[in-house]
Protein backbone atom coordinates (compact mmCIF):
# COMPACT_ATOMS: atom_id res chain seq x y z
CA MET A 1 -0.05 0.13 -0.06
CA LEU A 2 2.64 2.57 1.08
CA ASP A 3 6.52 2.62 0.23
CA PHE A 4 8.54 5.54 2.03
CA ASN A 5 11.56 5.24 0.21
CA ASP A 6 14.98 6.76 1.47
CA ILE A 7 13.23 9.89 2.64
CA SER A 8 15.21 13.02 3.77
CA PHE A 9 13.34 16.14 4.84
CA LYS A 10 14.01 19.61 6.46
CA TYR A 11 11.86 22.73 6.47
CA LYS A 12 12.97 25.62 4.54
CA ASP A 13 13.92 27.84 7.49
CA THR A 14 15.92 25.40 9.27
CA THR A 15 19.40 23.48 8.64
CA GLU A 16 18.68 20.31 10.46
CA TYR A 17 16.86 17.48 8.83
CA ILE A 18 14.01 15.99 10.71
CA ILE A 19 13.97 13.07 8.70
CA GLU A 20 17.00 11.57 7.23
CA ASN A 21 17.27 8.49 4.61
CA LEU A 22 14.17 7.06 6.23
CA SER A 23 12.51 3.75 4.72
CA PHE A 24 9.53 1.63 5.57
CA LYS A 25 6.66 -0.07 4.13
CA VAL A 26 2.87 -0.57 5.07
CA ASN A 27 1.14 -3.45 3.78
CA LYS A 28 -2.60 -3.38 2.74
CA GLY A 29 -5.05 -3.92 5.46
CA ASP A 30 -2.61 -2.90 8.27
CA PHE A 31 -3.44 -1.10 11.28
CA ILE A 32 -0.02 0.69 12.26
CA SER A 33 0.54 3.15 14.94
CA ILE A 34 3.64 5.44 15.07
CA ILE A 35 4.50 6.29 18.57
CA GLY A 36 7.52 8.52 19.61
CA ALA A 37 8.34 11.37 22.00
CA SER A 38 6.44 14.81 21.48
CA GLY A 39 8.17 16.79 18.59
CA CYS A 40 10.06 14.00 17.07
CA GLY A 41 8.41 14.40 13.61
CA LYS A 42 6.00 11.90 13.61
CA SER A 43 3.14 14.49 12.09
CA THR A 44 5.79 15.32 9.51
CA ILE A 45 5.58 11.89 8.02
CA PHE A 46 1.90 12.16 7.54
CA ARG A 47 2.53 15.70 6.16
CA LEU A 48 4.93 14.08 3.37
CA ILE A 49 2.50 11.30 2.65
CA ASN A 50 -0.52 13.73 2.22
CA ASN A 51 1.75 15.98 -0.11
CA LEU A 52 1.63 18.66 2.16
CA GLU A 53 5.14 18.93 2.19
CA SER A 54 7.74 17.65 -0.34
CA PRO A 55 10.81 15.42 0.55
CA ASN A 56 14.24 16.92 -0.20
CA SER A 57 15.18 13.43 -1.47
CA GLY A 58 13.63 10.13 -1.55
CA GLU A 59 10.22 9.01 -3.09
CA ILE A 60 6.84 7.93 -1.52
CA LEU A 61 4.63 5.49 -3.36
CA ILE A 62 0.95 4.78 -2.58
CA GLU A 63 0.10 1.27 -4.54
CA GLY A 64 2.95 1.85 -6.82
CA LYS A 65 2.29 5.56 -7.65
CA ASN A 66 4.30 8.50 -6.70
CA VAL A 67 2.17 10.74 -4.17
CA ASN A 68 2.91 13.59 -6.64
CA SER A 69 0.86 12.21 -9.40
CA LEU A 70 -1.97 11.00 -7.37
CA LYS A 71 -5.47 12.05 -8.59
CA SER A 72 -7.33 10.49 -5.69
CA PHE A 73 -7.63 11.53 -2.06
CA ILE A 74 -5.68 10.30 0.98
CA GLY A 75 -7.83 10.19 3.84
CA TYR A 76 -6.75 12.34 6.76
CA MET A 77 -8.01 12.85 10.25
CA PRO A 78 -6.37 15.30 12.38
CA GLN A 79 -6.44 15.78 16.20
CA LYS A 80 -8.95 18.31 15.90
CA ASP A 81 -12.10 17.55 14.13
CA LEU A 82 -12.23 20.77 12.01
CA LEU A 83 -15.67 20.66 11.32
CA LEU A 84 -17.22 23.62 9.84
CA PRO A 85 -19.44 25.41 12.52
CA PHE A 86 -21.65 27.11 9.74
CA ARG A 87 -22.60 23.81 8.07
CA ASN A 88 -24.74 21.10 9.80
CA ILE A 89 -23.41 17.55 10.33
CA LEU A 90 -24.89 16.22 6.91
CA GLN A 91 -23.20 19.31 5.06
CA ASN A 92 -19.98 18.62 6.97
CA ILE A 93 -19.44 15.04 5.99
CA SER A 94 -20.64 15.70 2.32
CA LEU A 95 -17.84 18.23 1.72
CA PRO A 96 -15.11 15.41 0.44
CA LEU A 97 -17.81 14.64 -2.06
CA GLU A 98 -18.39 18.15 -3.15
CA LEU A 99 -14.69 18.55 -3.66
CA GLN A 100 -14.82 15.52 -5.87
CA GLY A 101 -17.15 17.35 -8.09
CA LYS A 102 -20.25 15.84 -7.19
CA SER A 103 -23.43 18.10 -6.87
CA LYS A 104 -24.60 19.16 -3.34
CA CYS A 105 -27.66 17.09 -3.83
CA ALA A 106 -25.83 13.97 -4.69
CA SER A 107 -23.32 14.52 -2.01
CA GLN A 108 -25.72 14.90 0.43
CA GLU A 109 -27.64 11.78 -0.49
CA ILE A 110 -24.62 9.71 -0.14
CA ALA A 111 -23.70 11.27 3.44
CA LEU A 112 -26.98 10.65 4.59
CA LYS A 113 -26.69 6.81 3.61
CA MET A 114 -23.41 6.81 5.28
CA LEU A 115 -24.71 8.42 8.34
CA THR A 116 -27.59 6.05 8.40
CA GLU A 117 -25.17 2.80 8.07
CA PHE A 118 -23.31 4.09 11.18
CA ASP A 119 -26.79 4.66 12.77
CA LEU A 120 -26.01 8.50 13.30
CA HIS A 121 -28.64 9.82 10.76
CA THR A 122 -30.57 11.63 13.91
CA TYR A 123 -27.48 14.00 13.93
CA ALA A 124 -27.80 14.87 10.34
CA LEU A 125 -29.19 18.32 10.95
CA LYS A 126 -27.31 19.14 14.06
CA TYR A 127 -24.36 21.43 14.14
CA PRO A 128 -21.10 20.71 15.73
CA LYS A 129 -21.65 23.13 18.79
CA ASP A 130 -24.57 20.58 19.46
CA LEU A 131 -22.37 17.46 19.51
CA SER A 132 -19.86 16.09 22.20
CA GLY A 133 -16.07 15.67 21.59
CA GLY A 134 -16.55 11.92 20.89
CA MET A 135 -19.44 12.40 18.62
CA LYS A 136 -17.53 15.10 16.81
CA GLN A 137 -14.67 12.59 16.39
CA ARG A 138 -17.09 10.01 14.89
CA ILE A 139 -18.40 12.61 12.38
CA SER A 140 -14.81 13.36 11.50
CA PHE A 141 -14.14 9.97 10.99
CA ILE A 142 -17.06 9.52 8.67
CA ARG A 143 -16.05 12.34 6.69
CA THR A 144 -12.63 10.78 6.12
CA LEU A 145 -14.09 7.68 4.85
CA LEU A 146 -16.08 9.60 2.29
CA THR A 147 -12.75 10.75 0.50
CA GLY A 148 -13.12 7.12 -0.58
CA ALA A 149 -9.48 6.60 0.08
CA ASP A 150 -8.14 3.08 1.02
CA LEU A 151 -5.03 4.64 3.17
CA MET A 152 -6.37 6.54 6.11
CA LEU A 153 -4.08 8.79 8.14
CA LEU A 154 -5.27 9.31 11.68
CA ASP A 155 -3.40 11.92 13.60
CA GLU A 156 -3.82 11.67 17.45
CA PRO A 157 -7.59 11.80 16.96
CA PHE A 158 -8.48 10.76 20.48
CA SER A 159 -5.93 12.65 22.38
CA ALA A 160 -8.22 15.60 23.61
CA LEU A 161 -11.19 13.01 24.85
CA ASP A 162 -11.67 11.94 28.43
CA ALA A 163 -10.58 8.43 29.39
CA ILE A 164 -13.90 6.70 28.90
CA THR A 165 -14.81 8.31 25.73
CA LYS A 166 -11.49 7.43 24.34
CA MET A 167 -11.86 3.58 25.39
CA THR A 168 -15.24 3.83 23.86
CA LEU A 169 -13.98 5.50 20.44
CA GLN A 170 -10.83 3.08 20.29
CA GLU A 171 -13.31 0.12 20.39
CA TRP A 172 -15.67 1.80 17.80
CA ILE A 173 -12.78 2.56 15.58
CA LEU A 174 -11.19 -1.11 15.78
CA ASN A 175 -14.68 -2.41 14.48
CA GLN A 176 -14.68 0.05 11.83
CA TRP A 177 -11.30 -1.05 10.59
CA LEU A 178 -12.09 -4.67 10.68
CA ASN A 179 -15.45 -4.07 8.64
CA LEU A 180 -14.21 -1.64 6.13
CA ASP A 181 -11.06 -3.07 4.50
CA LYS A 182 -9.17 0.20 5.29
CA THR A 183 -5.26 0.58 5.72
CA ILE A 184 -4.57 2.88 8.71
CA LEU A 185 -1.61 4.69 9.82
CA PHE A 186 -2.16 6.14 13.40
CA ILE A 187 -0.15 8.46 15.27
CA THR A 188 -0.55 8.53 19.12
CA HIS A 189 1.44 9.07 22.33
CA ASP A 190 -0.52 6.37 24.20
CA VAL A 191 1.42 3.20 24.50
CA GLU A 192 -1.72 1.20 25.58
CA GLU A 193 -3.63 2.65 22.71
CA ALA A 194 -1.01 1.97 20.00
CA ILE A 195 -0.86 -2.02 21.46
CA PHE A 196 -4.89 -2.19 21.54
CA LEU A 197 -5.36 -0.91 18.20
CA SER A 198 -2.67 -1.93 15.96
CA THR A 199 -1.40 -4.91 13.99
CA LYS A 200 2.07 -3.41 14.21
CA ILE A 201 3.75 -0.38 15.84
CA LEU A 202 6.40 1.78 14.29
CA VAL A 203 8.61 3.38 17.11
CA VAL A 204 10.66 6.66 16.42
CA SER A 205 13.97 6.09 18.12
CA ASP A 206 16.15 8.96 17.44
CA LYS A 207 15.98 12.56 15.81
CA PRO A 208 16.43 13.30 12.94
CA ILE A 209 14.48 9.96 12.12
CA ARG A 210 16.47 7.54 10.42
CA THR A 211 14.85 4.11 11.34
CA LEU A 212 11.79 3.08 12.86
CA LYS A 213 11.54 0.19 15.42
CA HIS A 214 9.12 -2.20 14.02
CA ILE A 215 7.28 -4.17 16.63
CA ASP A 216 4.45 -6.88 15.81
CA VAL A 217 1.54 -6.79 18.48
CA PRO A 218 0.74 -10.31 19.51
CA LEU A 219 -3.03 -10.01 19.42
CA PRO A 220 -5.68 -11.18 17.01
CA THR A 221 -7.36 -8.82 14.98
CA ASN A 222 -10.78 -9.64 16.84
CA ARG A 223 -9.06 -8.67 19.96
CA THR A 224 -10.99 -7.45 23.36
CA ARG A 225 -10.18 -5.19 25.99
CA ASP A 226 -9.33 -7.82 28.71
CA MET A 227 -6.35 -9.25 26.48
CA MET A 228 -4.54 -6.02 27.46
CA ASN A 229 -4.06 -7.70 30.73
CA ASN A 230 -2.32 -10.90 29.29
CA PRO A 231 1.13 -10.91 30.75
CA GLU A 232 3.01 -10.70 27.20
CA ILE A 233 0.89 -7.77 26.55
CA LEU A 234 1.84 -5.98 30.07
CA GLU A 235 5.60 -6.72 29.20
CA LEU A 236 5.22 -5.16 25.92
CA LYS A 237 3.78 -2.05 27.30
CA SER A 238 6.25 -1.87 29.95
CA GLN A 239 9.07 -2.12 27.45
CA LEU A 240 7.75 0.39 25.11
CA VAL A 241 7.00 2.88 28.05
CA GLU A 242 10.69 2.45 29.53
CA TYR A 243 12.18 2.84 25.82
CA LEU A 244 10.29 6.09 25.08
CA LYS A 245 11.18 7.55 28.59
CA SER A 246 14.80 6.85 27.69
CA LYS A 247 14.29 9.01 24.53
CA ILE A 248 13.07 11.98 26.34
CA SER A 249 15.42 15.11 27.17
CA LEU A 250 14.56 16.86 30.25
């Protein structure tokens, strides 16, 4: 699905590279979390994949095509929901379809069907101000789905939520991934979240980012919350926490 080939990148106003000669691959159907210390460059990887920034060297391929030549969308869900306050929920989630050239009427018809599939149609005429944080993130995810992209980039989408809402949405998004045949790259600071959601974890070990430590999560895809108490999982969590703590400069 994704080939990140020998990428180097620095911002124009700096002399130091954030990413240097980095390569990694993502297979179709994977749910991969990227974890690392704050400010290490995780979100920059997403900006490069989404063609919001261009690498100084190297090549990024999605299904064998350079991201610069893609005519289709890549699904991107940021930390903030970014719902437009002056558009109701139906109008908000139909926006990707309108950007693809569909009429407003056709876009909203498709969007309403999607809301109905997710049992959220009763929120269609409400506005973002009327929704809880967790509900806004559900709506934001549906809007991302309507880009039609097979690859979805989720950048810390649950970090601002309370613990119970966060756990509920983790289980919800895991079920959606199992049902929708999507490939997901997920950025998080939360080690437990990364383990619960992912088939694999990529750990940022250094800055600039030259390599990513690959970890296969020893859980089935149809996992449950109680599996997080397995001794093997508790040991993995402890190792990851200690590893990340060793990379933080105080």
